[in-house]
Amino acid sequence: MKDFIKVMKAFSDPNRVKIVKMLQHKMMCVCELQAVLGIAQPTVSKHLKVLEEAGLVYSKKKGLWVNYYLENGKDSPYVASLLGNIRHWMEDDPEISELLKKLPFCNREEICGK
């Protein structure tokens, strides 16, 4: 039951749901997520830590960047089920739609100045 509760708690925050929805469309770094969400970098990092501990996202360092990706759910039936369902949920939500429209214009080099 602990794993189930951890996954459900990870989805209990609107910003974490938004992060998952954005990561469905592309891998992103913290600075990109921060820019699109309009929240502080430490806050984004804390949200990512909760999502990572729940098994919903994973990170991979590539050069200067730490990229975040959605997990595939192979290690947890709860993660697999929720990620499978959330792919179809809220695509027409106005707030999610606005965030997703920003993704093609989100350029990490411009945001971070590197």
PDB file of N, CA and C in Angstrom:
ATOM      1  N   MET A   1       0.814  -1.190   0.000  1.00  0.00           N
ATOM      2  CA  MET A   1       0.000   0.000   0.000  1.00  0.00           C
ATOM      3  C   MET A   1       0.866   1.268   0.000  1.00  0.00           C
ATOM      4  N   LYS A   2       2.073   1.189   0.557  1.00  0.00           N
ATOM      5  CA  LYS A   2       2.943   2.365   0.618  1.00  0.00           C
ATOM      6  C   LYS A   2       3.233   2.941  -0.768  1.00  0.00           C
ATOM      7  N   ASP A   3       3.509   2.073  -1.723  1.00  0.00           N
ATOM      8  CA  ASP A   3       3.813   2.531  -3.088  1.00  0.00           C
ATOM      9  C   ASP A   3       2.615   3.224  -3.723  1.00  0.00           C
ATOM     10  N   PHE A   4       1.443   2.673  -3.516  1.00  0.00           N
ATOM     11  CA  PHE A   4       0.225   3.265  -4.056  1.00  0.00           C
ATOM     12  C   PHE A   4       0.008   4.662  -3.485  1.00  0.00           C
ATOM     13  N   ILE A   5       0.145   4.819  -2.183  1.00  0.00           N
ATOM     14  CA  ILE A   5      -0.053   6.115  -1.529  1.00  0.00           C
ATOM     15  C   ILE A   5       0.976   7.123  -2.023  1.00  0.00           C
ATOM     16  N   LYS A   6       2.221   6.687  -2.210  1.00  0.00           N
ATOM     17  CA  LYS A   6       3.275   7.584  -2.690  1.00  0.00           C
ATOM     18  C   LYS A   6       2.940   8.123  -4.084  1.00  0.00           C
ATOM     19  N   VAL A   7       2.444   7.260  -4.950  1.00  0.00           N
ATOM     20  CA  VAL A   7       2.072   7.679  -6.308  1.00  0.00           C
ATOM     21  C   VAL A   7       0.874   8.624  -6.261  1.00  0.00           C
ATOM     22  N   MET A   8      -0.107   8.303  -5.460  1.00  0.00           N
ATOM     23  CA  MET A   8      -1.292   9.157  -5.365  1.00  0.00           C
ATOM     24  C   MET A   8      -0.943  10.526  -4.783  1.00  0.00           C
ATOM     25  N   LYS A   9      -0.078  10.560  -3.777  1.00  0.00           N
ATOM     26  CA  LYS A   9       0.347  11.837  -3.199  1.00  0.00           C
ATOM     27  C   LYS A   9       1.117  12.672  -4.216  1.00  0.00           C
ATOM     28  N   ALA A  10       1.893  12.004  -5.053  1.00  0.00           N
ATOM     29  CA  ALA A  10       2.652  12.735  -6.076  1.00  0.00           C
ATOM     30  C   ALA A  10       1.706  13.470  -7.019  1.00  0.00           C
ATOM     31  N   PHE A  11       0.550  12.903  -7.279  1.00  0.00           N
ATOM     32  CA  PHE A  11      -0.433  13.536  -8.161  1.00  0.00           C
ATOM     33  C   PHE A  11      -1.356  14.505  -7.426  1.00  0.00           C
ATOM     34  N   SER A  12      -1.123  14.720  -6.135  1.00  0.00           N
ATOM     35  CA  SER A  12      -2.026  15.565  -5.357  1.00  0.00           C
ATOM     36  C   SER A  12      -1.735  17.057  -5.483  1.00  0.00           C
ATOM     37  N   ASP A  13      -0.660  17.414  -6.170  1.00  0.00           N
ATOM     38  CA  ASP A  13      -0.313  18.821  -6.335  1.00  0.00           C
ATOM     39  C   ASP A  13      -0.505  19.225  -7.800  1.00  0.00           C
ATOM     40  N   PRO A  14      -1.194  20.330  -8.057  1.00  0.00           N
ATOM     41  CA  PRO A  14      -1.437  20.753  -9.449  1.00  0.00           C
ATOM     42  C   PRO A  14      -0.157  20.974 -10.259  1.00  0.00           C
ATOM     43  N   ASN A  15       0.885  21.500  -9.642  1.00  0.00           N
ATOM     44  CA  ASN A  15       2.130  21.716 -10.389  1.00  0.00           C
ATOM     45  C   ASN A  15       2.784  20.402 -10.789  1.00  0.00           C
ATOM     46  N   ARG A  16       2.674  19.387  -9.958  1.00  0.00           N
ATOM     47  CA  ARG A  16       3.241  18.089 -10.319  1.00  0.00           C
ATOM     48  C   ARG A  16       2.446  17.453 -11.459  1.00  0.00           C
ATOM     49  N   VAL A  17       1.148  17.637 -11.457  1.00  0.00           N
ATOM     50  CA  VAL A  17       0.332  17.143 -12.582  1.00  0.00           C
ATOM     51  C   VAL A  17       0.754  17.868 -13.862  1.00  0.00           C
ATOM     52  N   LYS A  18       0.962  19.164 -13.781  1.00  0.00           N
ATOM     53  CA  LYS A  18       1.392  19.941 -14.956  1.00  0.00           C
ATOM     54  C   LYS A  18       2.748  19.461 -15.453  1.00  0.00           C
ATOM     55  N   ILE A  19       3.666  19.173 -14.532  1.00  0.00           N
ATOM     56  CA  ILE A  19       4.983  18.674 -14.929  1.00  0.00           C
ATOM     57  C   ILE A  19       4.837  17.357 -15.680  1.00  0.00           C
ATOM     58  N   VAL A  20       4.030  16.455 -15.163  1.00  0.00           N
ATOM     59  CA  VAL A  20       3.815  15.165 -15.831  1.00  0.00           C
ATOM     60  C   VAL A  20       3.228  15.384 -17.222  1.00  0.00           C
ATOM     61  N   LYS A  21       2.245  16.265 -17.330  1.00  0.00           N
ATOM     62  CA  LYS A  21       1.631  16.531 -18.642  1.00  0.00           C
ATOM     63  C   LYS A  21       2.662  17.093 -19.623  1.00  0.00           C
ATOM     64  N   MET A  22       3.541  17.974 -19.165  1.00  0.00           N
ATOM     65  CA  MET A  22       4.563  18.531 -20.064  1.00  0.00           C
ATOM     66  C   MET A  22       5.579  17.468 -20.462  1.00  0.00           C
ATOM     67  N   LEU A  23       5.970  16.630 -19.508  1.00  0.00           N
ATOM     68  CA  LEU A  23       6.946  15.585 -19.815  1.00  0.00           C
ATOM     69  C   LEU A  23       6.385  14.513 -20.738  1.00  0.00           C
ATOM     70  N   GLN A  24       5.075  14.451 -20.876  1.00  0.00           N
ATOM     71  CA  GLN A  24       4.476  13.542 -21.863  1.00  0.00           C
ATOM     72  C   GLN A  24       4.853  13.972 -23.273  1.00  0.00           C
ATOM     73  N   HIS A  25       5.110  15.249 -23.442  1.00  0.00           N
ATOM     74  CA  HIS A  25       5.339  15.793 -24.771  1.00  0.00           C
ATOM     75  C   HIS A  25       6.817  15.968 -25.112  1.00  0.00           C
ATOM     76  N   LYS A  26       7.674  16.129 -24.092  1.00  0.00           N
ATOM     77  CA  LYS A  26       9.109  16.244 -24.351  1.00  0.00           C
ATOM     78  C   LYS A  26       9.881  16.146 -23.051  1.00  0.00           C
ATOM     79  N   MET A  27      11.128  15.707 -23.154  1.00  0.00           N
ATOM     80  CA  MET A  27      11.986  15.729 -21.980  1.00  0.00           C
ATOM     81  C   MET A  27      12.352  17.189 -21.721  1.00  0.00           C
ATOM     82  N   MET A  28      12.547  17.510 -20.452  1.00  0.00           N
ATOM     83  CA  MET A  28      12.807  18.899 -20.091  1.00  0.00           C
ATOM     84  C   MET A  28      13.808  18.964 -18.942  1.00  0.00           C
ATOM     85  N   CYS A  29      14.473  20.113 -18.819  1.00  0.00           N
ATOM     86  CA  CYS A  29      15.348  20.363 -17.676  1.00  0.00           C
ATOM     87  C   CYS A  29      14.604  21.258 -16.684  1.00  0.00           C
ATOM     88  N   VAL A  30      15.182  21.432 -15.516  1.00  0.00           N
ATOM     89  CA  VAL A  30      14.543  22.235 -14.469  1.00  0.00           C
ATOM     90  C   VAL A  30      14.292  23.656 -14.945  1.00  0.00           C
ATOM     91  N   CYS A  31      15.264  24.259 -15.636  1.00  0.00           N
ATOM     92  CA  CYS A  31      15.088  25.660 -16.052  1.00  0.00           C
ATOM     93  C   CYS A  31      13.937  25.807 -17.049  1.00  0.00           C
ATOM     94  N   GLU A  32      13.728  24.818 -17.911  1.00  0.00           N
ATOM     95  CA  GLU A  32      12.602  24.872 -18.848  1.00  0.00           C
ATOM     96  C   GLU A  32      11.273  24.748 -18.100  1.00  0.00           C
ATOM     97  N   LEU A  33      11.213  23.802 -17.173  1.00  0.00           N
ATOM     98  CA  LEU A  33       9.991  23.634 -16.381  1.00  0.00           C
ATOM     99  C   LEU A  33       9.690  24.893 -15.577  1.00  0.00           C
ATOM    100  N   GLN A  34      10.734  25.479 -15.010  1.00  0.00           N
ATOM    101  CA  GLN A  34      10.580  26.712 -14.233  1.00  0.00           C
ATOM    102  C   GLN A  34      10.022  27.831 -15.102  1.00  0.00           C
ATOM    103  N   ALA A  35      10.570  27.979 -16.299  1.00  0.00           N
ATOM    104  CA  ALA A  35      10.141  29.051 -17.193  1.00  0.00           C
ATOM    105  C   ALA A  35       8.677  28.882 -17.616  1.00  0.00           C
ATOM    106  N   VAL A  36       8.290  27.673 -17.944  1.00  0.00           N
ATOM    107  CA  VAL A  36       6.922  27.438 -18.405  1.00  0.00           C
ATOM    108  C   VAL A  36       5.921  27.565 -17.252  1.00  0.00           C
ATOM    109  N   LEU A  37       6.273  27.035 -16.092  1.00  0.00           N
ATOM    110  CA  LEU A  37       5.360  27.072 -14.948  1.00  0.00           C
ATOM    111  C   LEU A  37       5.338  28.431 -14.245  1.00  0.00           C
ATOM    112  N   GLY A  38       6.444  29.171 -14.359  1.00  0.00           N
ATOM    113  CA  GLY A  38       6.523  30.460 -13.687  1.00  0.00           C
ATOM    114  C   GLY A  38       6.662  30.343 -12.179  1.00  0.00           C
ATOM    115  N   ILE A  39       7.360  29.294 -11.727  1.00  0.00           N
ATOM    116  CA  ILE A  39       7.609  29.123 -10.298  1.00  0.00           C
ATOM    117  C   ILE A  39       9.113  29.026 -10.055  1.00  0.00           C
ATOM    118  N   ALA A  40       9.523  29.166  -8.814  1.00  0.00           N
ATOM    119  CA  ALA A  40      10.944  29.199  -8.459  1.00  0.00           C
ATOM    120  C   ALA A  40      11.629  27.858  -8.718  1.00  0.00           C
ATOM    121  N   GLN A  41      12.922  27.933  -9.036  1.00  0.00           N
ATOM    122  CA  GLN A  41      13.707  26.737  -9.316  1.00  0.00           C
ATOM    123  C   GLN A  41      13.710  25.742  -8.153  1.00  0.00           C
ATOM    124  N   PRO A  42      13.889  26.187  -6.891  1.00  0.00           N
ATOM    125  CA  PRO A  42      13.851  25.204  -5.800  1.00  0.00           C
ATOM    126  C   PRO A  42      12.496  24.497  -5.693  1.00  0.00           C
ATOM    127  N   THR A  43      11.436  25.191  -6.018  1.00  0.00           N
ATOM    128  CA  THR A  43      10.101  24.597  -5.974  1.00  0.00           C
ATOM    129  C   THR A  43       9.965  23.522  -7.051  1.00  0.00           C
ATOM    130  N   VAL A  44      10.444  23.830  -8.250  1.00  0.00           N
ATOM    131  CA  VAL A  44      10.411  22.837  -9.338  1.00  0.00           C
ATOM    132  C   VAL A  44      11.225  21.615  -8.937  1.00  0.00           C
ATOM    133  N   SER A  45      12.399  21.836  -8.380  1.00  0.00           N
ATOM    134  CA  SER A  45      13.265  20.724  -7.973  1.00  0.00           C
ATOM    135  C   SER A  45      12.595  19.855  -6.916  1.00  0.00           C
ATOM    136  N   LYS A  46      11.908  20.471  -5.976  1.00  0.00           N
ATOM    137  CA  LYS A  46      11.201  19.700  -4.945  1.00  0.00           C
ATOM    138  C   LYS A  46      10.077  18.870  -5.555  1.00  0.00           C
ATOM    139  N   HIS A  47       9.348  19.455  -6.495  1.00  0.00           N
ATOM    140  CA  HIS A  47       8.292  18.705  -7.173  1.00  0.00           C
ATOM    141  C   HIS A  47       8.878  17.519  -7.937  1.00  0.00           C
ATOM    142  N   LEU A  48       9.984  17.738  -8.624  1.00  0.00           N
ATOM    143  CA  LEU A  48      10.615  16.661  -9.375  1.00  0.00           C
ATOM    144  C   LEU A  48      11.104  15.548  -8.450  1.00  0.00           C
ATOM    145  N   LYS A  49      11.598  15.917  -7.286  1.00  0.00           N
ATOM    146  CA  LYS A  49      12.047  14.912  -6.319  1.00  0.00           C
ATOM    147  C   LYS A  49      10.878  14.035  -5.874  1.00  0.00           C
ATOM    148  N   VAL A  50       9.730  14.641  -5.593  1.00  0.00           N
ATOM    149  CA  VAL A  50       8.542  13.875  -5.200  1.00  0.00           C
ATOM    150  C   VAL A  50       8.127  12.933  -6.331  1.00  0.00           C
ATOM    151  N   LEU A  51       8.111  13.454  -7.559  1.00  0.00           N
ATOM    152  CA  LEU A  51       7.723  12.630  -8.711  1.00  0.00           C
ATOM    153  C   LEU A  51       8.721  11.503  -8.941  1.00  0.00           C
ATOM    154  N   GLU A  52      10.003  11.792  -8.745  1.00  0.00           N
ATOM    155  CA  GLU A  52      11.033  10.774  -8.938  1.00  0.00           C
ATOM    156  C   GLU A  52      10.919   9.680  -7.859  1.00  0.00           C
ATOM    157  N   GLU A  53      10.713  10.089  -6.618  1.00  0.00           N
ATOM    158  CA  GLU A  53      10.581   9.116  -5.528  1.00  0.00           C
ATOM    159  C   GLU A  53       9.347   8.233  -5.694  1.00  0.00           C
ATOM    160  N   ALA A  54       8.328   8.759  -6.334  1.00  0.00           N
ATOM    161  CA  ALA A  54       7.112   7.975  -6.592  1.00  0.00           C
ATOM    162  C   ALA A  54       7.270   7.071  -7.809  1.00  0.00           C
ATOM    163  N   GLY A  55       8.367   7.231  -8.544  1.00  0.00           N
ATOM    164  CA  GLY A  55       8.602   6.399  -9.725  1.00  0.00           C
ATOM    165  C   GLY A  55       7.931   6.899 -10.982  1.00  0.00           C
ATOM    166  N   LEU A  56       7.515   8.161 -10.987  1.00  0.00           N
ATOM    167  CA  LEU A  56       6.821   8.727 -12.149  1.00  0.00           C
ATOM    168  C   LEU A  56       7.768   9.352 -13.160  1.00  0.00           C
ATOM    169  N   VAL A  57       8.889   9.868 -12.704  1.00  0.00           N
ATOM    170  CA  VAL A  57       9.871  10.471 -13.606  1.00  0.00           C
ATOM    171  C   VAL A  57      11.260   9.962 -13.240  1.00  0.00           C
ATOM    172  N   TYR A  58      12.176  10.108 -14.183  1.00  0.00           N
ATOM    173  CA  TYR A  58      13.580   9.808 -13.913  1.00  0.00           C
ATOM    174  C   TYR A  58      14.418  10.883 -14.582  1.00  0.00           C
ATOM    175  N   SER A  59      15.643  11.010 -14.114  1.00  0.00           N
ATOM    176  CA  SER A  59      16.536  12.019 -14.671  1.00  0.00           C
ATOM    177  C   SER A  59      17.767  11.354 -15.249  1.00  0.00           C
ATOM    178  N   LYS A  60      18.348  12.043 -16.224  1.00  0.00           N
ATOM    179  CA  LYS A  60      19.569  11.561 -16.864  1.00  0.00           C
ATOM    180  C   LYS A  60      20.428  12.776 -17.175  1.00  0.00           C
ATOM    181  N   LYS A  61      21.655  12.744 -16.687  1.00  0.00           N
ATOM    182  CA  LYS A  61      22.574  13.855 -16.931  1.00  0.00           C
ATOM    183  C   LYS A  61      23.213  13.687 -18.303  1.00  0.00           C
ATOM    184  N   LYS A  62      23.208  14.786 -19.062  1.00  0.00           N
ATOM    185  CA  LYS A  62      23.832  14.782 -20.386  1.00  0.00           C
ATOM    186  C   LYS A  62      24.604  16.094 -20.515  1.00  0.00           C
ATOM    187  N   GLY A  63      25.911  16.024 -20.358  1.00  0.00           N
ATOM    188  CA  GLY A  63      26.728  17.234 -20.384  1.00  0.00           C
ATOM    189  C   GLY A  63      26.374  18.127 -19.207  1.00  0.00           C
ATOM    190  N   LEU A  64      26.029  19.371 -19.505  1.00  0.00           N
ATOM    191  CA  LEU A  64      25.660  20.324 -18.466  1.00  0.00           C
ATOM    192  C   LEU A  64      24.223  20.154 -17.989  1.00  0.00           C
ATOM    193  N   TRP A  65      23.442  19.409 -18.731  1.00  0.00           N
ATOM    194  CA  TRP A  65      22.004  19.342 -18.476  1.00  0.00           C
ATOM    195  C   TRP A  65      21.606  18.089 -17.719  1.00  0.00           C
ATOM    196  N   VAL A  66      20.620  18.246 -16.845  1.00  0.00           N
ATOM    197  CA  VAL A  66      19.943  17.098 -16.246  1.00  0.00           C
ATOM    198  C   VAL A  66      18.554  17.093 -16.862  1.00  0.00           C
ATOM    199  N   ASN A  67      18.298  16.085 -17.661  1.00  0.00           N
ATOM    200  CA  ASN A  67      17.023  15.974 -18.371  1.00  0.00           C
ATOM    201  C   ASN A  67      16.067  15.081 -17.578  1.00  0.00           C
ATOM    202  N   TYR A  68      14.800  15.475 -17.579  1.00  0.00           N
ATOM    203  CA  TYR A  68      13.761  14.712 -16.891  1.00  0.00           C
ATOM    204  C   TYR A  68      12.823  14.098 -17.920  1.00  0.00           C
ATOM    205  N   TYR A  69      12.472  12.839 -17.662  1.00  0.00           N
ATOM    206  CA  TYR A  69      11.635  12.051 -18.557  1.00  0.00           C
ATOM    207  C   TYR A  69      10.560  11.369 -17.731  1.00  0.00           C
ATOM    208  N   LEU A  70       9.474  10.988 -18.392  1.00  0.00           N
ATOM    209  CA  LEU A  70       8.469  10.158 -17.725  1.00  0.00           C
ATOM    210  C   LEU A  70       8.962   8.720 -17.681  1.00  0.00           C
ATOM    211  N   GLU A  71       8.696   8.064 -16.581  1.00  0.00           N
ATOM    212  CA  GLU A  71       8.974   6.631 -16.477  1.00  0.00           C
ATOM    213  C   GLU A  71       7.990   5.882 -17.365  1.00  0.00           C
ATOM    214  N   ASN A  72       8.278   4.632 -17.623  1.00  0.00           N
ATOM    215  CA  ASN A  72       7.354   3.833 -18.438  1.00  0.00           C
ATOM    216  C   ASN A  72       6.432   2.960 -17.588  1.00  0.00           C
ATOM    217  N   GLY A  73       6.650   2.941 -16.274  1.00  0.00           N
ATOM    218  CA  GLY A  73       5.777   2.186 -15.392  1.00  0.00           C
ATOM    219  C   GLY A  73       6.110   0.714 -15.273  1.00  0.00           C
ATOM    220  N   LYS A  74       7.246   0.307 -15.808  1.00  0.00           N
ATOM    221  CA  LYS A  74       7.596  -1.120 -15.778  1.00  0.00           C
ATOM    222  C   LYS A  74       7.818  -1.655 -14.360  1.00  0.00           C
ATOM    223  N   ASP A  75       8.155  -0.756 -13.422  1.00  0.00           N
ATOM    224  CA  ASP A  75       8.443  -1.190 -12.058  1.00  0.00           C
ATOM    225  C   ASP A  75       7.252  -1.071 -11.112  1.00  0.00           C
ATOM    226  N   SER A  76       6.160  -0.487 -11.573  1.00  0.00           N
ATOM    227  CA  SER A  76       5.007  -0.298 -10.687  1.00  0.00           C
ATOM    228  C   SER A  76       3.706  -0.318 -11.485  1.00  0.00           C
ATOM    229  N   PRO A  77       2.801  -1.184 -11.092  1.00  0.00           N
ATOM    230  CA  PRO A  77       1.507  -1.197 -11.787  1.00  0.00           C
ATOM    231  C   PRO A  77       0.718   0.094 -11.551  1.00  0.00           C
ATOM    232  N   TYR A  78       0.941   0.735 -10.415  1.00  0.00           N
ATOM    233  CA  TYR A  78       0.240   1.990 -10.106  1.00  0.00           C
ATOM    234  C   TYR A  78       0.727   3.112 -11.027  1.00  0.00           C
ATOM    235  N   VAL A  79       2.037   3.187 -11.198  1.00  0.00           N
ATOM    236  CA  VAL A  79       2.622   4.192 -12.093  1.00  0.00           C
ATOM    237  C   VAL A  79       2.160   3.925 -13.519  1.00  0.00           C
ATOM    238  N   ALA A  80       2.244   2.680 -13.956  1.00  0.00           N
ATOM    239  CA  ALA A  80       1.844   2.330 -15.320  1.00  0.00           C
ATOM    240  C   ALA A  80       0.392   2.701 -15.581  1.00  0.00           C
ATOM    241  N   SER A  81      -0.466   2.371 -14.662  1.00  0.00           N
ATOM    242  CA  SER A  81      -1.893   2.648 -14.830  1.00  0.00           C
ATOM    243  C   SER A  81      -2.182   4.142 -14.867  1.00  0.00           C
ATOM    244  N   LEU A  82      -1.643   4.875 -13.901  1.00  0.00           N
ATOM    245  CA  LEU A  82      -1.917   6.310 -13.854  1.00  0.00           C
ATOM    246  C   LEU A  82      -1.303   7.055 -15.032  1.00  0.00           C
ATOM    247  N   LEU A  83      -0.071   6.716 -15.402  1.00  0.00           N
ATOM    248  CA  LEU A  83       0.533   7.391 -16.555  1.00  0.00           C
ATOM    249  C   LEU A  83      -0.219   7.059 -17.835  1.00  0.00           C
ATOM    250  N   GLY A  84      -0.688   5.830 -17.943  1.00  0.00           N
ATOM    251  CA  GLY A  84      -1.477   5.461 -19.112  1.00  0.00           C
ATOM    252  C   GLY A  84      -2.772   6.252 -19.203  1.00  0.00           C
ATOM    253  N   ASN A  85      -3.422   6.434 -18.076  1.00  0.00           N
ATOM    254  CA  ASN A  85      -4.684   7.178 -18.059  1.00  0.00           C
ATOM    255  C   ASN A  85      -4.484   8.680 -18.209  1.00  0.00           C
ATOM    256  N   ILE A  86      -3.483   9.211 -17.537  1.00  0.00           N
ATOM    257  CA  ILE A  86      -3.305  10.673 -17.563  1.00  0.00           C
ATOM    258  C   ILE A  86      -2.907  11.173 -18.953  1.00  0.00           C
ATOM    259  N   ARG A  87      -2.406  10.280 -19.795  1.00  0.00           N
ATOM    260  CA  ARG A  87      -2.104  10.671 -21.186  1.00  0.00           C
ATOM    261  C   ARG A  87      -3.350  11.212 -21.886  1.00  0.00           C
ATOM    262  N   HIS A  88      -4.491  10.691 -21.506  1.00  0.00           N
ATOM    263  CA  HIS A  88      -5.745  11.077 -22.150  1.00  0.00           C
ATOM    264  C   HIS A  88      -6.539  12.088 -21.331  1.00  0.00           C
ATOM    265  N   TRP A  89      -6.219  12.202 -20.063  1.00  0.00           N
ATOM    266  CA  TRP A  89      -6.940  13.117 -19.198  1.00  0.00           C
ATOM    267  C   TRP A  89      -6.401  14.530 -19.318  1.00  0.00           C
ATOM    268  N   MET A  90      -7.240  15.484 -19.252  1.00  0.00           N
ATOM    269  CA  MET A  90      -6.930  16.912 -19.148  1.00  0.00           C
ATOM    270  C   MET A  90      -6.265  17.527 -20.370  1.00  0.00           C
ATOM    271  N   GLU A  91      -6.236  16.841 -21.477  1.00  0.00           N
ATOM    272  CA  GLU A  91      -5.652  17.440 -22.684  1.00  0.00           C
ATOM    273  C   GLU A  91      -6.439  18.673 -23.117  1.00  0.00           C
ATOM    274  N   ASP A  92      -7.721  18.704 -22.792  1.00  0.00           N
ATOM    275  CA  ASP A  92      -8.536  19.853 -23.183  1.00  0.00           C
ATOM    276  C   ASP A  92      -8.724  20.858 -22.045  1.00  0.00           C
ATOM    277  N   ASP A  93      -8.058  20.643 -20.918  1.00  0.00           N
ATOM    278  CA  ASP A  93      -8.102  21.602 -19.809  1.00  0.00           C
ATOM    279  C   ASP A  93      -7.413  22.893 -20.258  1.00  0.00           C
ATOM    280  N   PRO A  94      -8.048  24.055 -20.087  1.00  0.00           N
ATOM    281  CA  PRO A  94      -7.464  25.310 -20.579  1.00  0.00           C
ATOM    282  C   PRO A  94      -6.071  25.608 -20.020  1.00  0.00           C
ATOM    283  N   GLU A  95      -5.870  25.336 -18.753  1.00  0.00           N
ATOM    284  CA  GLU A  95      -4.568  25.607 -18.144  1.00  0.00           C
ATOM    285  C   GLU A  95      -3.477  24.699 -18.721  1.00  0.00           C
ATOM    286  N   ILE A  96      -3.793  23.434 -18.881  1.00  0.00           N
ATOM    287  CA  ILE A  96      -2.841  22.480 -19.472  1.00  0.00           C
ATOM    288  C   ILE A  96      -2.592  22.845 -20.929  1.00  0.00           C
ATOM    289  N   SER A  97      -3.633  23.171 -21.658  1.00  0.00           N
ATOM    290  CA  SER A  97      -3.485  23.542 -23.074  1.00  0.00           C
ATOM    291  C   SER A  97      -2.542  24.730 -23.245  1.00  0.00           C
ATOM    292  N   GLU A  98      -2.674  25.726 -22.374  1.00  0.00           N
ATOM    293  CA  GLU A  98      -1.804  26.911 -22.452  1.00  0.00           C
ATOM    294  C   GLU A  98      -0.347  26.540 -22.193  1.00  0.00           C
ATOM    295  N   LEU A  99      -0.110  25.682 -21.224  1.00  0.00           N
ATOM    296  CA  LEU A  99       1.259  25.241 -20.943  1.00  0.00           C
ATOM    297  C   LEU A  99       1.846  24.489 -22.137  1.00  0.00           C
ATOM    298  N   LEU A 100       1.052  23.608 -22.706  1.00  0.00           N
ATOM    299  CA  LEU A 100       1.540  22.795 -23.819  1.00  0.00           C
ATOM    300  C   LEU A 100       1.839  23.639 -25.054  1.00  0.00           C
ATOM    301  N   LYS A 101       1.120  24.728 -25.229  1.00  0.00           N
ATOM    302  CA  LYS A 101       1.390  25.636 -26.353  1.00  0.00           C
ATOM    303  C   LYS A 101       2.759  26.307 -26.231  1.00  0.00           C
ATOM    304  N   LYS A 102       3.242  26.466 -25.013  1.00  0.00           N
ATOM    305  CA  LYS A 102       4.531  27.118 -24.768  1.00  0.00           C
ATOM    306  C   LYS A 102       5.725  26.205 -25.040  1.00  0.00           C
ATOM    307  N   LEU A 103       5.510  24.900 -25.009  1.00  0.00           N
ATOM    308  CA  LEU A 103       6.624  23.955 -25.097  1.00  0.00           C
ATOM    309  C   LEU A 103       7.483  24.096 -26.358  1.00  0.00           C
ATOM    310  N   PRO A 104       6.899  24.268 -27.542  1.00  0.00           N
ATOM    311  CA  PRO A 104       7.763  24.386 -28.727  1.00  0.00           C
ATOM    312  C   PRO A 104       8.687  25.611 -28.700  1.00  0.00           C
ATOM    313  N   PHE A 105       8.336  26.605 -27.900  1.00  0.00           N
ATOM    314  CA  PHE A 105       9.118  27.836 -27.843  1.00  0.00           C
ATOM    315  C   PHE A 105      10.054  27.876 -26.644  1.00  0.00           C
ATOM    316  N   CYS A 106      10.088  26.804 -25.900  1.00  0.00           N
ATOM    317  CA  CYS A 106      10.902  26.715 -24.694  1.00  0.00           C
ATOM    318  C   CYS A 106      12.304  26.245 -25.085  1.00  0.00           C
ATOM    319  N   ASN A 107      13.267  27.144 -25.015  1.00  0.00           N
ATOM    320  CA  ASN A 107      14.636  26.846 -25.444  1.00  0.00           C
ATOM    321  C   ASN A 107      15.580  26.990 -24.256  1.00  0.00           C
ATOM    322  N   ARG A 108      16.127  25.886 -23.804  1.00  0.00           N
ATOM    323  CA  ARG A 108      16.974  25.886 -22.610  1.00  0.00           C
ATOM    324  C   ARG A 108      18.200  26.769 -22.736  1.00  0.00           C
ATOM    325  N   GLU A 109      18.778  26.843 -23.922  1.00  0.00           N
ATOM    326  CA  GLU A 109      19.961  27.690 -24.088  1.00  0.00           C
ATOM    327  C   GLU A 109      19.628  29.166 -23.879  1.00  0.00           C
ATOM    328  N   GLU A 110      18.469  29.583 -24.365  1.00  0.00           N
ATOM    329  CA  GLU A 110      18.043  30.960 -24.164  1.00  0.00           C
ATOM    330  C   GLU A 110      17.659  31.224 -22.708  1.00  0.00           C
ATOM    331  N   ILE A 111      16.967  30.271 -22.102  1.00  0.00           N
ATOM    332  CA  ILE A 111      16.505  30.429 -20.725  1.00  0.00           C
ATOM    333  C   ILE A 111      17.683  30.503 -19.762  1.00  0.00           C
ATOM    334  N   CYS A 112      18.611  29.587 -19.912  1.00  0.00           N
ATOM    335  CA  CYS A 112      19.724  29.475 -18.969  1.00  0.00           C
ATOM    336  C   CYS A 112      20.948  30.284 -19.406  1.00  0.00           C
ATOM    337  N   GLY A 113      20.935  30.779 -20.623  1.00  0.00           N
ATOM    338  CA  GLY A 113      22.049  31.573 -21.119  1.00  0.00           C
ATOM    339  C   GLY A 113      23.330  30.783 -21.305  1.00  0.00           C
ATOM    340  N   LYS A 114      23.199  29.506 -21.679  1.00  0.00           N
ATOM    341  CA  LYS A 114      24.398  28.674 -21.876  1.00  0.00           C
ATOM    342  C   LYS A 114      24.529  28.248 -23.305  1.00  0.00           C
TER     343      LYS A 114
END
